[in-house]
N, C-alpha and C. Protein backbone atom coordinates (compact mmCIF):
# COMPACT_ATOMS: atom_id res chain seq x y z
N MET A 1 -8.28 -1.61 -1.20
CA MET A 1 -8.53 -3.00 -1.53
C MET A 1 -9.89 -3.42 -0.96
N ALA A 2 -10.75 -3.93 -1.81
CA ALA A 2 -12.10 -4.34 -1.40
C ALA A 2 -12.05 -5.59 -0.54
N LYS A 3 -13.11 -5.77 0.27
CA LYS A 3 -13.21 -6.95 1.13
C LYS A 3 -14.60 -7.55 1.04
N LEU A 4 -14.69 -8.82 1.39
CA LEU A 4 -15.96 -9.53 1.54
C LEU A 4 -16.24 -9.62 3.04
N TYR A 5 -17.37 -9.03 3.45
CA TYR A 5 -17.77 -9.01 4.85
C TYR A 5 -18.96 -9.95 5.05
N PHE A 6 -18.94 -10.68 6.16
CA PHE A 6 -20.11 -11.47 6.56
C PHE A 6 -20.50 -10.99 7.95
N ARG A 7 -21.66 -10.35 8.03
CA ARG A 7 -22.20 -9.88 9.30
C ARG A 7 -23.39 -10.75 9.64
N TYR A 8 -23.22 -11.60 10.65
CA TYR A 8 -24.24 -12.57 11.01
C TYR A 8 -24.81 -12.27 12.38
N GLY A 9 -25.99 -12.79 12.61
CA GLY A 9 -26.60 -12.64 13.93
C GLY A 9 -27.81 -13.53 14.04
N ALA A 10 -28.29 -13.70 15.25
CA ALA A 10 -29.49 -14.50 15.50
C ALA A 10 -30.72 -13.72 15.02
N MET A 11 -31.84 -14.39 14.97
CA MET A 11 -33.09 -13.74 14.60
C MET A 11 -33.33 -12.54 15.51
N GLY A 12 -33.79 -11.45 14.91
CA GLY A 12 -34.10 -10.27 15.70
C GLY A 12 -32.93 -9.37 16.02
N SER A 13 -31.78 -9.59 15.38
CA SER A 13 -30.60 -8.79 15.71
C SER A 13 -30.43 -7.55 14.82
N SER A 14 -31.43 -7.24 14.02
CA SER A 14 -31.43 -6.04 13.17
C SER A 14 -30.47 -6.12 11.99
N LYS A 15 -30.25 -7.33 11.47
CA LYS A 15 -29.38 -7.49 10.30
C LYS A 15 -29.93 -6.73 9.10
N THR A 16 -31.22 -6.90 8.83
CA THR A 16 -31.82 -6.24 7.67
C THR A 16 -31.82 -4.72 7.86
N ALA A 17 -32.13 -4.25 9.04
CA ALA A 17 -32.09 -2.81 9.31
C ALA A 17 -30.68 -2.27 9.07
N ASN A 18 -29.68 -3.02 9.49
CA ASN A 18 -28.29 -2.62 9.25
C ASN A 18 -27.97 -2.57 7.77
N ALA A 19 -28.43 -3.57 7.01
CA ALA A 19 -28.19 -3.59 5.56
C ALA A 19 -28.81 -2.37 4.90
N ILE A 20 -30.03 -2.04 5.28
CA ILE A 20 -30.72 -0.88 4.71
C ILE A 20 -30.00 0.41 5.09
N MET A 21 -29.50 0.51 6.31
CA MET A 21 -28.79 1.71 6.74
C MET A 21 -27.46 1.87 6.01
N VAL A 22 -26.75 0.76 5.77
CA VAL A 22 -25.50 0.84 5.01
C VAL A 22 -25.80 1.32 3.59
N HIS A 23 -26.86 0.79 2.99
CA HIS A 23 -27.28 1.24 1.66
C HIS A 23 -27.56 2.76 1.69
N TYR A 24 -28.31 3.20 2.68
CA TYR A 24 -28.65 4.62 2.83
C TYR A 24 -27.39 5.47 2.97
N ASN A 25 -26.45 5.02 3.81
CA ASN A 25 -25.23 5.79 4.04
C ASN A 25 -24.41 5.97 2.76
N TYR A 26 -24.30 4.91 1.97
CA TYR A 26 -23.58 5.02 0.69
C TYR A 26 -24.30 6.02 -0.22
N ALA A 27 -25.61 5.87 -0.35
CA ALA A 27 -26.38 6.74 -1.25
C ALA A 27 -26.32 8.20 -0.79
N GLU A 28 -26.36 8.41 0.52
CA GLU A 28 -26.30 9.77 1.07
C GLU A 28 -25.00 10.48 0.70
N ARG A 29 -23.96 9.70 0.50
CA ARG A 29 -22.65 10.26 0.14
C ARG A 29 -22.41 10.23 -1.37
N GLN A 30 -23.52 10.16 -2.13
CA GLN A 30 -23.48 10.14 -3.59
C GLN A 30 -22.68 8.97 -4.16
N LYS A 31 -22.68 7.86 -3.44
CA LYS A 31 -22.08 6.62 -3.93
C LYS A 31 -23.19 5.76 -4.52
N ALA A 32 -22.81 4.72 -5.22
CA ALA A 32 -23.79 3.85 -5.89
C ALA A 32 -23.79 2.46 -5.25
N PRO A 33 -24.61 2.26 -4.23
CA PRO A 33 -24.72 0.92 -3.63
C PRO A 33 -25.76 0.09 -4.37
N LEU A 34 -25.61 -1.21 -4.32
CA LEU A 34 -26.61 -2.12 -4.88
C LEU A 34 -27.04 -3.07 -3.77
N LEU A 35 -28.33 -3.11 -3.50
CA LEU A 35 -28.90 -3.97 -2.47
C LEU A 35 -29.53 -5.18 -3.15
N ALA A 36 -29.19 -6.38 -2.69
CA ALA A 36 -29.68 -7.60 -3.31
C ALA A 36 -30.09 -8.61 -2.25
N LYS A 37 -30.91 -9.57 -2.67
CA LYS A 37 -31.28 -10.70 -1.80
C LYS A 37 -31.53 -11.92 -2.68
N PRO A 38 -31.38 -13.13 -2.13
CA PRO A 38 -31.67 -14.34 -2.90
C PRO A 38 -33.16 -14.43 -3.23
N SER A 39 -33.48 -15.03 -4.36
CA SER A 39 -34.87 -15.08 -4.83
C SER A 39 -35.77 -15.94 -3.94
N VAL A 40 -35.20 -16.78 -3.10
CA VAL A 40 -36.02 -17.61 -2.21
C VAL A 40 -36.76 -16.76 -1.17
N ASP A 41 -36.23 -15.58 -0.86
CA ASP A 41 -36.84 -14.72 0.16
C ASP A 41 -37.92 -13.85 -0.47
N VAL A 42 -39.16 -14.31 -0.40
CA VAL A 42 -40.29 -13.58 -0.99
C VAL A 42 -41.27 -13.08 0.08
N ARG A 43 -40.86 -13.09 1.34
CA ARG A 43 -41.76 -12.68 2.43
C ARG A 43 -42.35 -11.30 2.21
N ASP A 44 -41.53 -10.36 1.82
CA ASP A 44 -41.97 -8.97 1.71
C ASP A 44 -42.16 -8.51 0.27
N GLY A 45 -42.19 -9.47 -0.64
CA GLY A 45 -42.26 -9.16 -2.06
C GLY A 45 -40.95 -9.55 -2.72
N ALA A 46 -41.01 -9.74 -4.03
CA ALA A 46 -39.85 -10.25 -4.75
C ALA A 46 -38.65 -9.30 -4.70
N ARG A 47 -38.89 -8.02 -4.74
CA ARG A 47 -37.78 -7.06 -4.82
C ARG A 47 -37.86 -6.00 -3.73
N VAL A 48 -38.19 -6.44 -2.53
CA VAL A 48 -38.28 -5.55 -1.38
C VAL A 48 -37.57 -6.19 -0.20
N ILE A 49 -36.84 -5.38 0.52
CA ILE A 49 -36.24 -5.81 1.79
C ILE A 49 -36.90 -4.96 2.87
N ARG A 50 -37.43 -5.63 3.89
CA ARG A 50 -38.14 -4.92 4.97
C ARG A 50 -37.64 -5.44 6.31
N SER A 51 -37.30 -4.51 7.19
CA SER A 51 -36.84 -4.91 8.53
C SER A 51 -38.04 -4.96 9.47
N ARG A 52 -37.85 -5.62 10.59
CA ARG A 52 -38.91 -5.69 11.60
C ARG A 52 -39.21 -4.32 12.17
N SER A 53 -38.24 -3.42 12.12
CA SER A 53 -38.45 -2.08 12.67
C SER A 53 -39.21 -1.18 11.70
N GLY A 54 -39.50 -1.68 10.49
CA GLY A 54 -40.29 -0.92 9.53
C GLY A 54 -39.48 -0.30 8.40
N LEU A 55 -38.15 -0.34 8.48
CA LEU A 55 -37.35 0.17 7.37
C LEU A 55 -37.57 -0.70 6.15
N GLU A 56 -37.58 -0.08 4.98
CA GLU A 56 -37.87 -0.82 3.76
C GLU A 56 -37.07 -0.23 2.61
N GLN A 57 -36.62 -1.08 1.69
CA GLN A 57 -35.84 -0.61 0.55
C GLN A 57 -36.03 -1.57 -0.63
N LEU A 58 -36.12 -1.01 -1.81
CA LEU A 58 -36.17 -1.85 -3.01
C LEU A 58 -34.81 -2.49 -3.23
N CYS A 59 -34.80 -3.66 -3.85
CA CYS A 59 -33.56 -4.38 -4.09
C CYS A 59 -33.68 -5.14 -5.41
N VAL A 60 -32.60 -5.76 -5.81
CA VAL A 60 -32.62 -6.69 -6.94
C VAL A 60 -32.47 -8.10 -6.38
N LEU A 61 -32.85 -9.06 -7.17
CA LEU A 61 -32.63 -10.45 -6.78
C LEU A 61 -31.17 -10.81 -7.10
N PHE A 62 -30.57 -11.57 -6.23
CA PHE A 62 -29.16 -11.94 -6.43
C PHE A 62 -28.96 -12.57 -7.80
N GLU A 63 -29.91 -13.37 -8.22
CA GLU A 63 -29.81 -14.08 -9.48
C GLU A 63 -29.83 -13.12 -10.68
N GLU A 64 -30.20 -11.87 -10.45
CA GLU A 64 -30.26 -10.87 -11.52
C GLU A 64 -29.04 -9.94 -11.53
N LEU A 65 -28.05 -10.21 -10.70
CA LEU A 65 -26.87 -9.33 -10.67
C LEU A 65 -26.30 -9.19 -12.07
N ASP A 66 -26.06 -7.97 -12.48
CA ASP A 66 -25.50 -7.67 -13.79
C ASP A 66 -23.97 -7.61 -13.66
N MET A 67 -23.33 -8.72 -13.97
CA MET A 67 -21.88 -8.80 -13.80
C MET A 67 -21.14 -7.82 -14.71
N ALA A 68 -21.71 -7.53 -15.89
CA ALA A 68 -21.07 -6.56 -16.78
C ALA A 68 -21.07 -5.17 -16.14
N ALA A 69 -22.18 -4.79 -15.52
CA ALA A 69 -22.25 -3.49 -14.84
C ALA A 69 -21.29 -3.46 -13.65
N ILE A 70 -21.23 -4.55 -12.91
CA ILE A 70 -20.31 -4.62 -11.77
C ILE A 70 -18.87 -4.51 -12.26
N ALA A 71 -18.54 -5.26 -13.33
CA ALA A 71 -17.18 -5.22 -13.90
C ALA A 71 -16.84 -3.82 -14.41
N GLY A 72 -17.86 -3.10 -14.88
CA GLY A 72 -17.65 -1.75 -15.39
C GLY A 72 -17.59 -0.68 -14.31
N GLY A 73 -17.68 -1.08 -13.07
CA GLY A 73 -17.57 -0.12 -11.96
C GLY A 73 -18.84 0.64 -11.66
N ALA A 74 -19.98 0.09 -12.01
CA ALA A 74 -21.26 0.79 -11.81
C ALA A 74 -21.63 0.95 -10.34
N TYR A 75 -21.07 0.12 -9.48
CA TYR A 75 -21.45 0.13 -8.07
C TYR A 75 -20.24 0.31 -7.17
N ASP A 76 -20.45 1.07 -6.10
CA ASP A 76 -19.40 1.28 -5.12
C ASP A 76 -19.41 0.22 -4.02
N CYS A 77 -20.53 -0.49 -3.90
CA CYS A 77 -20.66 -1.52 -2.87
C CYS A 77 -21.86 -2.41 -3.22
N ILE A 78 -21.73 -3.70 -2.97
CA ILE A 78 -22.83 -4.64 -3.11
C ILE A 78 -23.22 -5.08 -1.69
N ILE A 79 -24.50 -4.97 -1.35
CA ILE A 79 -25.00 -5.35 -0.03
C ILE A 79 -26.00 -6.47 -0.24
N VAL A 80 -25.79 -7.60 0.44
CA VAL A 80 -26.65 -8.77 0.27
C VAL A 80 -27.32 -9.09 1.59
N ASP A 81 -28.66 -9.10 1.59
CA ASP A 81 -29.42 -9.49 2.77
C ASP A 81 -29.82 -10.96 2.64
N GLU A 82 -30.10 -11.61 3.75
CA GLU A 82 -30.49 -13.03 3.79
C GLU A 82 -29.45 -13.91 3.09
N ALA A 83 -28.18 -13.60 3.32
CA ALA A 83 -27.08 -14.28 2.64
C ALA A 83 -26.97 -15.76 2.99
N GLN A 84 -27.61 -16.19 4.06
CA GLN A 84 -27.57 -17.62 4.39
C GLN A 84 -28.20 -18.46 3.29
N PHE A 85 -29.08 -17.86 2.48
CA PHE A 85 -29.76 -18.60 1.42
C PHE A 85 -28.95 -18.70 0.13
N LEU A 86 -27.75 -18.11 0.10
CA LEU A 86 -26.91 -18.21 -1.09
C LEU A 86 -26.33 -19.62 -1.22
N SER A 87 -26.01 -20.00 -2.43
CA SER A 87 -25.33 -21.28 -2.67
C SER A 87 -23.82 -21.04 -2.61
N GLU A 88 -23.07 -22.11 -2.57
CA GLU A 88 -21.60 -22.01 -2.61
C GLU A 88 -21.16 -21.26 -3.86
N ALA A 89 -21.76 -21.58 -5.01
CA ALA A 89 -21.39 -20.91 -6.27
C ALA A 89 -21.69 -19.42 -6.22
N GLN A 90 -22.79 -19.04 -5.59
CA GLN A 90 -23.13 -17.62 -5.48
C GLN A 90 -22.15 -16.88 -4.58
N VAL A 91 -21.72 -17.52 -3.51
CA VAL A 91 -20.71 -16.90 -2.65
C VAL A 91 -19.40 -16.76 -3.43
N GLU A 92 -19.06 -17.74 -4.25
CA GLU A 92 -17.86 -17.64 -5.06
C GLU A 92 -17.98 -16.49 -6.07
N ARG A 93 -19.18 -16.19 -6.54
CA ARG A 93 -19.38 -15.03 -7.41
C ARG A 93 -19.09 -13.75 -6.63
N LEU A 94 -19.47 -13.71 -5.35
CA LEU A 94 -19.16 -12.54 -4.52
C LEU A 94 -17.66 -12.39 -4.34
N VAL A 95 -16.97 -13.51 -4.17
CA VAL A 95 -15.51 -13.48 -4.05
C VAL A 95 -14.92 -12.86 -5.32
N GLU A 96 -15.44 -13.24 -6.48
CA GLU A 96 -14.98 -12.68 -7.75
C GLU A 96 -15.23 -11.17 -7.80
N ILE A 97 -16.40 -10.74 -7.35
CA ILE A 97 -16.72 -9.31 -7.35
C ILE A 97 -15.70 -8.54 -6.52
N VAL A 98 -15.30 -9.11 -5.39
CA VAL A 98 -14.33 -8.46 -4.51
C VAL A 98 -12.92 -8.53 -5.11
N ASP A 99 -12.49 -9.73 -5.46
CA ASP A 99 -11.10 -9.94 -5.86
C ASP A 99 -10.78 -9.47 -7.27
N VAL A 100 -11.69 -9.65 -8.20
CA VAL A 100 -11.43 -9.29 -9.59
C VAL A 100 -11.88 -7.86 -9.90
N HIS A 101 -13.05 -7.48 -9.38
CA HIS A 101 -13.62 -6.18 -9.72
C HIS A 101 -13.42 -5.12 -8.64
N ASP A 102 -12.74 -5.51 -7.56
CA ASP A 102 -12.37 -4.59 -6.47
C ASP A 102 -13.56 -3.79 -5.93
N THR A 103 -14.70 -4.50 -5.78
CA THR A 103 -15.91 -3.89 -5.23
C THR A 103 -16.21 -4.54 -3.90
N PRO A 104 -16.34 -3.76 -2.83
CA PRO A 104 -16.66 -4.37 -1.53
C PRO A 104 -18.05 -5.00 -1.53
N VAL A 105 -18.17 -6.11 -0.81
CA VAL A 105 -19.44 -6.82 -0.67
C VAL A 105 -19.69 -7.03 0.82
N ILE A 106 -20.88 -6.61 1.27
CA ILE A 106 -21.25 -6.77 2.67
C ILE A 106 -22.48 -7.67 2.72
N CYS A 107 -22.34 -8.83 3.35
CA CYS A 107 -23.43 -9.80 3.44
C CYS A 107 -23.97 -9.84 4.86
N TYR A 108 -25.29 -9.92 4.96
CA TYR A 108 -25.98 -10.04 6.24
C TYR A 108 -26.80 -11.32 6.22
N GLY A 109 -26.74 -12.08 7.32
CA GLY A 109 -27.54 -13.29 7.37
C GLY A 109 -27.38 -14.05 8.66
N LEU A 110 -28.12 -15.14 8.74
CA LEU A 110 -28.02 -16.06 9.86
C LEU A 110 -26.79 -16.94 9.68
N LYS A 111 -26.22 -17.37 10.78
CA LYS A 111 -25.13 -18.33 10.71
C LYS A 111 -25.70 -19.74 10.67
N THR A 112 -26.65 -20.02 11.57
CA THR A 112 -27.19 -21.37 11.67
C THR A 112 -28.71 -21.36 11.62
N ASP A 113 -29.27 -22.54 11.33
CA ASP A 113 -30.72 -22.69 11.26
C ASP A 113 -31.29 -23.02 12.64
N PHE A 114 -32.56 -23.36 12.69
CA PHE A 114 -33.25 -23.62 13.95
C PHE A 114 -32.78 -24.91 14.62
N GLN A 115 -32.05 -25.76 13.88
CA GLN A 115 -31.49 -26.99 14.46
C GLN A 115 -30.02 -26.82 14.83
N GLY A 116 -29.49 -25.63 14.66
CA GLY A 116 -28.09 -25.36 14.99
C GLY A 116 -27.12 -25.76 13.88
N LYS A 117 -27.62 -26.01 12.68
CA LYS A 117 -26.77 -26.40 11.55
C LYS A 117 -26.50 -25.21 10.65
N LEU A 118 -25.30 -25.18 10.09
CA LEU A 118 -24.93 -24.09 9.18
C LEU A 118 -25.78 -24.13 7.92
N PHE A 119 -26.17 -22.96 7.45
CA PHE A 119 -26.75 -22.84 6.12
C PHE A 119 -25.61 -22.93 5.11
N ALA A 120 -25.89 -23.33 3.88
CA ALA A 120 -24.86 -23.44 2.84
C ALA A 120 -24.17 -22.10 2.59
N GLY A 121 -24.96 -21.04 2.47
CA GLY A 121 -24.38 -19.72 2.23
C GLY A 121 -23.52 -19.25 3.39
N SER A 122 -23.97 -19.49 4.60
CA SER A 122 -23.21 -19.08 5.79
C SER A 122 -21.91 -19.86 5.89
N ASP A 123 -21.98 -21.15 5.62
CA ASP A 123 -20.79 -21.99 5.65
C ASP A 123 -19.74 -21.45 4.67
N ALA A 124 -20.17 -21.16 3.44
CA ALA A 124 -19.25 -20.64 2.43
C ALA A 124 -18.71 -19.26 2.83
N LEU A 125 -19.56 -18.41 3.39
CA LEU A 125 -19.12 -17.08 3.81
C LEU A 125 -18.14 -17.16 4.97
N LEU A 126 -18.39 -18.06 5.91
CA LEU A 126 -17.46 -18.22 7.03
C LEU A 126 -16.07 -18.66 6.53
N ARG A 127 -16.04 -19.42 5.45
CA ARG A 127 -14.77 -19.88 4.89
C ARG A 127 -14.09 -18.85 4.00
N HIS A 128 -14.85 -17.98 3.35
CA HIS A 128 -14.26 -17.09 2.34
C HIS A 128 -14.23 -15.61 2.71
N ALA A 129 -14.98 -15.20 3.71
CA ALA A 129 -15.05 -13.77 4.04
C ALA A 129 -13.73 -13.25 4.58
N ASP A 130 -13.43 -12.00 4.24
CA ASP A 130 -12.24 -11.34 4.77
C ASP A 130 -12.49 -10.87 6.19
N ALA A 131 -13.73 -10.52 6.49
CA ALA A 131 -14.08 -10.02 7.82
C ALA A 131 -15.42 -10.64 8.24
N ILE A 132 -15.45 -11.17 9.44
CA ILE A 132 -16.66 -11.79 9.98
C ILE A 132 -17.02 -11.03 11.26
N GLU A 133 -18.25 -10.50 11.29
CA GLU A 133 -18.68 -9.68 12.41
C GLU A 133 -20.03 -10.15 12.90
N GLU A 134 -20.21 -10.17 14.21
CA GLU A 134 -21.49 -10.57 14.78
C GLU A 134 -22.36 -9.35 15.04
N VAL A 135 -23.61 -9.42 14.61
CA VAL A 135 -24.62 -8.42 14.93
C VAL A 135 -25.38 -8.98 16.13
N LYS A 136 -25.29 -8.32 17.25
CA LYS A 136 -25.76 -8.91 18.50
C LYS A 136 -27.20 -8.52 18.84
N THR A 137 -27.85 -9.45 19.54
CA THR A 137 -29.15 -9.20 20.14
C THR A 137 -29.21 -10.02 21.43
N ILE A 138 -30.32 -9.92 22.13
CA ILE A 138 -30.40 -10.63 23.41
C ILE A 138 -31.56 -11.63 23.43
N CYS A 139 -31.39 -12.62 24.24
CA CYS A 139 -32.41 -13.62 24.55
C CYS A 139 -33.42 -12.99 25.52
N TRP A 140 -34.55 -13.64 25.71
CA TRP A 140 -35.54 -13.14 26.66
C TRP A 140 -34.98 -13.01 28.07
N CYS A 141 -33.92 -13.77 28.38
CA CYS A 141 -33.34 -13.73 29.73
C CYS A 141 -32.33 -12.59 29.90
N GLY A 142 -31.96 -11.93 28.79
CA GLY A 142 -31.01 -10.84 28.86
C GLY A 142 -29.61 -11.20 28.41
N LYS A 143 -29.31 -12.50 28.28
CA LYS A 143 -28.00 -12.91 27.78
C LYS A 143 -27.97 -12.75 26.26
N LYS A 144 -26.77 -12.79 25.70
CA LYS A 144 -26.63 -12.67 24.25
C LYS A 144 -27.31 -13.85 23.55
N ALA A 145 -28.14 -13.54 22.55
CA ALA A 145 -28.79 -14.59 21.75
C ALA A 145 -27.81 -15.07 20.68
N THR A 146 -27.61 -16.38 20.62
CA THR A 146 -26.67 -16.97 19.67
C THR A 146 -27.32 -18.04 18.80
N HIS A 147 -28.53 -18.46 19.15
CA HIS A 147 -29.21 -19.55 18.46
C HIS A 147 -30.60 -19.10 17.99
N ASN A 148 -31.07 -19.74 16.94
CA ASN A 148 -32.38 -19.44 16.37
C ASN A 148 -33.34 -20.57 16.69
N ALA A 149 -34.47 -20.23 17.27
CA ALA A 149 -35.49 -21.23 17.58
C ALA A 149 -36.68 -21.02 16.67
N ARG A 150 -37.22 -22.13 16.15
CA ARG A 150 -38.45 -22.05 15.35
C ARG A 150 -39.62 -22.33 16.28
N LEU A 151 -40.65 -21.51 16.15
CA LEU A 151 -41.84 -21.64 16.98
C LEU A 151 -42.89 -22.47 16.26
N ASP A 152 -43.68 -23.21 17.03
CA ASP A 152 -44.67 -24.13 16.45
C ASP A 152 -46.06 -23.51 16.29
N GLY A 153 -46.23 -22.25 16.60
CA GLY A 153 -47.53 -21.60 16.50
C GLY A 153 -48.14 -21.35 17.87
N SER A 154 -47.70 -22.08 18.88
CA SER A 154 -48.21 -21.89 20.23
C SER A 154 -47.18 -21.20 21.13
N GLY A 155 -46.07 -20.76 20.52
CA GLY A 155 -45.01 -20.13 21.30
C GLY A 155 -43.96 -21.10 21.78
N ARG A 156 -44.17 -22.38 21.49
CA ARG A 156 -43.20 -23.40 21.88
C ARG A 156 -42.23 -23.65 20.73
N MET A 157 -41.06 -24.12 21.09
CA MET A 157 -40.00 -24.39 20.13
C MET A 157 -40.19 -25.76 19.49
N THR A 158 -39.90 -25.85 18.20
CA THR A 158 -39.90 -27.14 17.52
C THR A 158 -38.52 -27.38 16.94
N ARG A 159 -38.15 -28.63 16.86
CA ARG A 159 -36.84 -29.00 16.33
C ARG A 159 -36.95 -29.83 15.05
N VAL A 160 -38.15 -29.89 14.48
CA VAL A 160 -38.36 -30.69 13.27
C VAL A 160 -38.88 -29.81 12.14
N GLY A 161 -38.61 -30.22 10.91
CA GLY A 161 -39.10 -29.51 9.74
C GLY A 161 -38.01 -29.21 8.74
N GLU A 162 -38.42 -28.62 7.64
CA GLU A 162 -37.50 -28.23 6.58
C GLU A 162 -36.55 -27.15 7.10
N GLN A 163 -35.36 -27.09 6.51
CA GLN A 163 -34.40 -26.08 6.94
C GLN A 163 -34.91 -24.68 6.65
N VAL A 164 -35.52 -24.48 5.49
CA VAL A 164 -35.98 -23.14 5.11
C VAL A 164 -37.49 -23.06 5.21
N VAL A 165 -37.96 -22.29 6.18
CA VAL A 165 -39.35 -21.92 6.32
C VAL A 165 -39.33 -20.42 6.59
N LEU A 166 -39.81 -19.64 5.62
CA LEU A 166 -39.74 -18.19 5.75
C LEU A 166 -40.67 -17.70 6.85
N GLY A 167 -40.20 -16.73 7.59
CA GLY A 167 -41.00 -16.16 8.66
C GLY A 167 -40.18 -15.16 9.44
N ALA A 168 -40.87 -14.49 10.34
CA ALA A 168 -40.20 -13.51 11.19
C ALA A 168 -40.57 -13.81 12.64
N ASP A 169 -41.02 -12.79 13.38
CA ASP A 169 -41.35 -12.97 14.79
C ASP A 169 -42.44 -14.02 15.00
N ASP A 170 -43.24 -14.24 13.98
CA ASP A 170 -44.31 -15.22 14.10
C ASP A 170 -43.79 -16.65 14.11
N LYS A 171 -42.58 -16.86 13.59
CA LYS A 171 -42.04 -18.22 13.48
C LYS A 171 -40.70 -18.44 14.15
N TYR A 172 -39.99 -17.37 14.48
CA TYR A 172 -38.63 -17.52 15.00
C TYR A 172 -38.35 -16.57 16.16
N ILE A 173 -37.41 -16.99 17.00
CA ILE A 173 -36.93 -16.15 18.09
C ILE A 173 -35.46 -16.47 18.32
N GLY A 174 -34.69 -15.44 18.66
CA GLY A 174 -33.29 -15.65 19.03
C GLY A 174 -33.20 -16.00 20.51
N LEU A 175 -32.40 -17.02 20.81
CA LEU A 175 -32.23 -17.46 22.20
C LEU A 175 -30.74 -17.60 22.53
N CYS A 176 -30.42 -17.51 23.82
CA CYS A 176 -29.07 -17.84 24.26
C CYS A 176 -28.91 -19.36 24.14
N ARG A 177 -27.68 -19.83 24.19
CA ARG A 177 -27.42 -21.26 24.04
C ARG A 177 -28.15 -22.07 25.11
N LYS A 178 -28.12 -21.61 26.35
CA LYS A 178 -28.76 -22.34 27.45
C LYS A 178 -30.25 -22.56 27.18
N HIS A 179 -30.95 -21.51 26.79
CA HIS A 179 -32.39 -21.65 26.59
C HIS A 179 -32.74 -22.35 25.29
N TRP A 180 -31.86 -22.26 24.29
CA TRP A 180 -32.07 -23.02 23.05
C TRP A 180 -31.98 -24.52 23.34
N PHE A 181 -30.94 -24.92 24.06
CA PHE A 181 -30.80 -26.35 24.39
C PHE A 181 -31.94 -26.82 25.28
N ALA A 182 -32.40 -25.96 26.19
CA ALA A 182 -33.49 -26.33 27.09
C ALA A 182 -34.85 -26.25 26.41
N GLY A 183 -34.92 -25.57 25.27
CA GLY A 183 -36.20 -25.42 24.57
C GLY A 183 -37.11 -24.40 25.22
N GLU A 184 -36.55 -23.44 25.93
CA GLU A 184 -37.33 -22.43 26.65
C GLU A 184 -37.40 -21.14 25.83
N THR A 185 -38.57 -20.84 25.29
CA THR A 185 -38.74 -19.64 24.47
C THR A 185 -39.21 -18.44 25.29
N GLY A 186 -39.41 -18.63 26.56
CA GLY A 186 -39.82 -17.57 27.48
C GLY A 186 -39.95 -18.16 28.86
N PRO A 187 -40.15 -17.33 29.87
CA PRO A 187 -40.29 -17.85 31.23
C PRO A 187 -41.42 -18.88 31.32
N GLY A 188 -41.08 -20.09 31.67
CA GLY A 188 -42.06 -21.15 31.85
C GLY A 188 -42.57 -21.78 30.56
N ILE A 189 -42.05 -21.37 29.41
CA ILE A 189 -42.48 -21.96 28.13
C ILE A 189 -41.41 -22.92 27.67
N VAL A 190 -41.68 -24.19 27.80
CA VAL A 190 -40.69 -25.23 27.49
C VAL A 190 -41.25 -26.15 26.43
N VAL A 191 -40.39 -26.56 25.50
CA VAL A 191 -40.79 -27.55 24.51
C VAL A 191 -41.09 -28.85 25.25
N PRO A 192 -42.21 -29.51 24.98
CA PRO A 192 -42.59 -30.71 25.73
C PRO A 192 -41.55 -31.82 25.73
N SER A 193 -40.90 -32.03 24.61
CA SER A 193 -39.88 -33.07 24.55
C SER A 193 -38.90 -32.71 23.44
N ARG A 194 -37.79 -33.40 23.37
CA ARG A 194 -36.78 -33.15 22.34
C ARG A 194 -37.29 -33.71 21.01
N GLN A 195 -38.20 -32.98 20.36
CA GLN A 195 -38.81 -33.44 19.10
C GLN A 195 -37.84 -33.34 17.96
């Protein structure tokens, strides 16, 4: 019986590297995995998934999923990176892929944004996933990172702006709850005020 998995983690927790490795493992065993991402994620190109560690894999855009091919059993697994950017309707399509077409779906993404609010896709996945797993990383202090901080360009944390601003290490860092609330992105680096 297929399941819908949501594997979430803070920035820098190797979610994309994990997605690429799962794709590799399926392919290595002569299975047919499909790697996808939402079209909003164009950081590394429209149809490329790239991890911070340098792993890279071609993918399709989620909006291009061929439901007829999926219904026909063309894929042994669907892997979705940056799943926080999915809409509620797109997550419901994943539920259909699992429940109707008996194809496992593994989603990787952030749980919350830089303000600590759920993304729409993450909210829907938390409600509908059969299995929810945390991909762990650490804060600069060594504790488990659970929150995402957006950097303002000077290494300081900002709490204002649009929910979706694409970026990697240049714009975001994973922090433990204590340092996220304090606005400390490193030893002695504190956000000037609760902006």
